[in-house]
Amino acid sequence: MKTQKFVFDLNCKFAIYVPTTVDVDRVDMGVAERVKKYVMERMATWFGGSTSTPAVGAWVSESGKTVYENVNIVYAYCTSAQAITEFENVIALCEYVKKEMSQEAVTLEYNGQVKFI
């Protein structure tokens, strides 16, 4: 039996939850699609590739209202060295999504841990 040789180990994962709403609960697919593509492009540039998968989420806004929305989870796997090098860029990308889409927070998942930016 031939053994598989791996060139490198992608042992880290970043995932940014890109909403489809702006201003908390107003759907704007034009903005959502543009921002999703930008996030995918940046992560692909930093890590060699990225993937987007649709999901549905719910969260409680600052006003106490439960907001249900479609989201796109954009994720990329990377090496530990890449994660260290690009960590601040990923945080800045989350800040961009938050500002561009007028969100109260954006979800960042890093190696299974969730952070709200």
C-alpha atoms as a PDB file:
ATOM      1  CA  MET A   1       0.000   0.000   0.000  1.00  0.00           C
ATOM      2  CA  LYS A   2       1.337   3.402  -0.980  1.00  0.00           C
ATOM      3  CA  THR A   3       1.354   6.036   1.767  1.00  0.00           C
ATOM      4  CA  GLN A   4       0.190   9.559   1.103  1.00  0.00           C
ATOM      5  CA  LYS A   5       2.738  12.310   1.621  1.00  0.00           C
ATOM      6  CA  PHE A   6       1.349  15.711   2.541  1.00  0.00           C
ATOM      7  CA  VAL A   7       3.212  18.794   1.462  1.00  0.00           C
ATOM      8  CA  PHE A   8       1.860  20.970   4.286  1.00  0.00           C
ATOM      9  CA  ASP A   9      -0.727  20.841   7.041  1.00  0.00           C
ATOM     10  CA  LEU A  10      -3.637  23.294   6.977  1.00  0.00           C
ATOM     11  CA  ASN A  11      -4.380  23.059  10.684  1.00  0.00           C
ATOM     12  CA  CYS A  12      -6.150  26.403  11.188  1.00  0.00           C
ATOM     13  CA  LYS A  13      -9.480  27.744   9.968  1.00  0.00           C
ATOM     14  CA  PHE A  14     -10.979  31.223   9.766  1.00  0.00           C
ATOM     15  CA  ALA A  15     -14.694  31.701   9.014  1.00  0.00           C
ATOM     16  CA  ILE A  16     -16.448  35.047   8.636  1.00  0.00           C
ATOM     17  CA  TYR A  17     -20.247  35.112   8.749  1.00  0.00           C
ATOM     18  CA  VAL A  18     -21.293  37.626   6.093  1.00  0.00           C
ATOM     19  CA  PRO A  19     -24.886  38.798   6.624  1.00  0.00           C
ATOM     20  CA  THR A  20     -27.404  39.532   3.890  1.00  0.00           C
ATOM     21  CA  THR A  21     -28.841  42.463   5.817  1.00  0.00           C
ATOM     22  CA  VAL A  22     -27.741  46.043   6.327  1.00  0.00           C
ATOM     23  CA  ASP A  23     -28.790  48.358   9.148  1.00  0.00           C
ATOM     24  CA  VAL A  24     -29.543  45.329  11.365  1.00  0.00           C
ATOM     25  CA  ASP A  25     -32.512  43.841   9.479  1.00  0.00           C
ATOM     26  CA  ARG A  26     -32.947  45.334   5.982  1.00  0.00           C
ATOM     27  CA  VAL A  27     -32.148  42.792   3.252  1.00  0.00           C
ATOM     28  CA  ASP A  28     -29.855  44.126   0.514  1.00  0.00           C
ATOM     29  CA  MET A  29     -28.614  41.307  -1.696  1.00  0.00           C
ATOM     30  CA  GLY A  30     -26.571  43.678  -3.874  1.00  0.00           C
ATOM     31  CA  VAL A  31     -24.438  44.813  -0.950  1.00  0.00           C
ATOM     32  CA  ALA A  32     -24.373  41.302   0.534  1.00  0.00           C
ATOM     33  CA  GLU A  33     -23.098  39.732  -2.693  1.00  0.00           C
ATOM     34  CA  ARG A  34     -20.461  42.443  -3.214  1.00  0.00           C
ATOM     35  CA  VAL A  35     -19.175  42.115   0.361  1.00  0.00           C
ATOM     36  CA  LYS A  36     -19.195  38.297   0.224  1.00  0.00           C
ATOM     37  CA  LYS A  37     -17.118  38.316  -2.971  1.00  0.00           C
ATOM     38  CA  TYR A  38     -14.681  40.809  -1.436  1.00  0.00           C
ATOM     39  CA  VAL A  39     -14.274  38.639   1.686  1.00  0.00           C
ATOM     40  CA  MET A  40     -13.716  35.549  -0.479  1.00  0.00           C
ATOM     41  CA  GLU A  41     -11.132  37.391  -2.575  1.00  0.00           C
ATOM     42  CA  ARG A  42      -9.183  38.666   0.437  1.00  0.00           C
ATOM     43  CA  MET A  43      -9.155  35.275   2.162  1.00  0.00           C
ATOM     44  CA  ALA A  44      -8.155  33.514  -1.067  1.00  0.00           C
ATOM     45  CA  THR A  45      -5.303  35.993  -1.485  1.00  0.00           C
ATOM     46  CA  TRP A  46      -4.033  35.431   2.068  1.00  0.00           C
ATOM     47  CA  PHE A  47      -4.597  31.666   2.316  1.00  0.00           C
ATOM     48  CA  GLY A  48      -4.615  30.332  -1.242  1.00  0.00           C
ATOM     49  CA  GLY A  49      -8.360  29.733  -1.434  1.00  0.00           C
ATOM     50  CA  SER A  50     -11.719  30.283   0.238  1.00  0.00           C
ATOM     51  CA  THR A  51     -15.180  28.744   0.252  1.00  0.00           C
ATOM     52  CA  SER A  52     -18.631  30.196   0.861  1.00  0.00           C
ATOM     53  CA  THR A  53     -21.590  28.225   2.135  1.00  0.00           C
ATOM     54  CA  PRO A  54     -25.118  29.526   2.849  1.00  0.00           C
ATOM     55  CA  ALA A  55     -26.740  29.256   6.267  1.00  0.00           C
ATOM     56  CA  VAL A  56     -29.620  30.775   8.227  1.00  0.00           C
ATOM     57  CA  GLY A  57     -28.976  32.504  11.511  1.00  0.00           C
ATOM     58  CA  ALA A  58     -30.862  34.255  14.285  1.00  0.00           C
ATOM     59  CA  TRP A  59     -29.578  36.716  16.832  1.00  0.00           C
ATOM     60  CA  VAL A  60     -30.986  39.225  19.294  1.00  0.00           C
ATOM     61  CA  SER A  61     -30.327  42.843  18.301  1.00  0.00           C
ATOM     62  CA  GLU A  62     -29.495  45.618  20.758  1.00  0.00           C
ATOM     63  CA  SER A  63     -33.199  46.613  20.639  1.00  0.00           C
ATOM     64  CA  GLY A  64     -34.155  43.132  21.915  1.00  0.00           C
ATOM     65  CA  LYS A  65     -35.668  42.012  18.601  1.00  0.00           C
ATOM     66  CA  THR A  66     -34.792  38.546  17.264  1.00  0.00           C
ATOM     67  CA  VAL A  67     -33.474  38.972  13.738  1.00  0.00           C
ATOM     68  CA  TYR A  68     -33.531  36.002  11.351  1.00  0.00           C
ATOM     69  CA  GLU A  69     -31.379  36.215   8.258  1.00  0.00           C
ATOM     70  CA  ASN A  70     -29.583  34.329   5.580  1.00  0.00           C
ATOM     71  CA  VAL A  71     -25.814  34.461   5.948  1.00  0.00           C
ATOM     72  CA  ASN A  72     -22.876  33.300   3.887  1.00  0.00           C
ATOM     73  CA  ILE A  73     -20.128  31.647   5.884  1.00  0.00           C
ATOM     74  CA  VAL A  74     -16.868  32.381   4.088  1.00  0.00           C
ATOM     75  CA  TYR A  75     -14.038  30.214   5.330  1.00  0.00           C
ATOM     76  CA  ALA A  76     -10.453  29.319   4.582  1.00  0.00           C
ATOM     77  CA  TYR A  77      -8.003  26.803   5.961  1.00  0.00           C
ATOM     78  CA  CYS A  78      -4.406  27.806   6.509  1.00  0.00           C
ATOM     79  CA  THR A  79      -1.160  26.925   8.206  1.00  0.00           C
ATOM     80  CA  SER A  80      -0.336  28.120  11.710  1.00  0.00           C
ATOM     81  CA  ALA A  81       2.245  30.488  10.250  1.00  0.00           C
ATOM     82  CA  GLN A  82      -0.329  32.013   7.889  1.00  0.00           C
ATOM     83  CA  ALA A  83      -2.813  32.392  10.754  1.00  0.00           C
ATOM     84  CA  ILE A  84      -0.268  34.311  12.808  1.00  0.00           C
ATOM     85  CA  THR A  85       0.762  36.492   9.877  1.00  0.00           C
ATOM     86  CA  GLU A  86      -2.777  37.330   8.712  1.00  0.00           C
ATOM     87  CA  PHE A  87      -4.703  37.409  11.994  1.00  0.00           C
ATOM     88  CA  GLU A  88      -4.855  41.211  12.197  1.00  0.00           C
ATOM     89  CA  ASN A  89      -5.889  41.405   8.535  1.00  0.00           C
ATOM     90  CA  VAL A  90      -8.780  39.019   9.216  1.00  0.00           C
ATOM     91  CA  ILE A  91      -9.898  41.178  12.157  1.00  0.00           C
ATOM     92  CA  ALA A  92      -9.720  44.270   9.924  1.00  0.00           C
ATOM     93  CA  LEU A  93     -11.760  42.436   7.268  1.00  0.00           C
ATOM     94  CA  CYS A  94     -14.460  41.731   9.864  1.00  0.00           C
ATOM     95  CA  GLU A  95     -14.438  45.420  10.816  1.00  0.00           C
ATOM     96  CA  TYR A  96     -14.888  46.263   7.119  1.00  0.00           C
ATOM     97  CA  VAL A  97     -17.908  43.927   6.856  1.00  0.00           C
ATOM     98  CA  LYS A  98     -19.386  45.424  10.034  1.00  0.00           C
ATOM     99  CA  LYS A  99     -18.993  48.991   8.789  1.00  0.00           C
ATOM    100  CA  GLU A 100     -19.966  48.332   5.158  1.00  0.00           C
ATOM    101  CA  MET A 101     -23.158  46.536   6.187  1.00  0.00           C
ATOM    102  CA  SER A 102     -23.976  48.733   9.224  1.00  0.00           C
ATOM    103  CA  GLN A 103     -24.010  45.753  11.592  1.00  0.00           C
ATOM    104  CA  GLU A 104     -23.925  45.742  15.382  1.00  0.00           C
ATOM    105  CA  ALA A 105     -21.403  42.876  15.190  1.00  0.00           C
ATOM    106  CA  VAL A 106     -19.913  40.358  12.767  1.00  0.00           C
ATOM    107  CA  THR A 107     -19.162  36.767  13.721  1.00  0.00           C
ATOM    108  CA  LEU A 108     -15.625  35.461  13.297  1.00  0.00           C
ATOM    109  CA  GLU A 109     -14.878  31.817  13.921  1.00  0.00           C
ATOM    110  CA  TYR A 110     -11.249  30.883  14.467  1.00  0.00           C
ATOM    111  CA  ASN A 111     -10.378  27.229  15.032  1.00  0.00           C
ATOM    112  CA  GLY A 112     -13.846  26.544  16.405  1.00  0.00           C
ATOM    113  CA  GLN A 113     -13.935  29.534  18.751  1.00  0.00           C
ATOM    114  CA  VAL A 114     -16.442  32.295  18.031  1.00  0.00           C
ATOM    115  CA  LYS A 115     -15.645  35.956  18.458  1.00  0.00           C
ATOM    116  CA  PHE A 116     -17.973  38.890  17.849  1.00  0.00           C
ATOM    117  CA  ILE A 117     -16.230  41.792  16.152  1.00  0.00           C
END
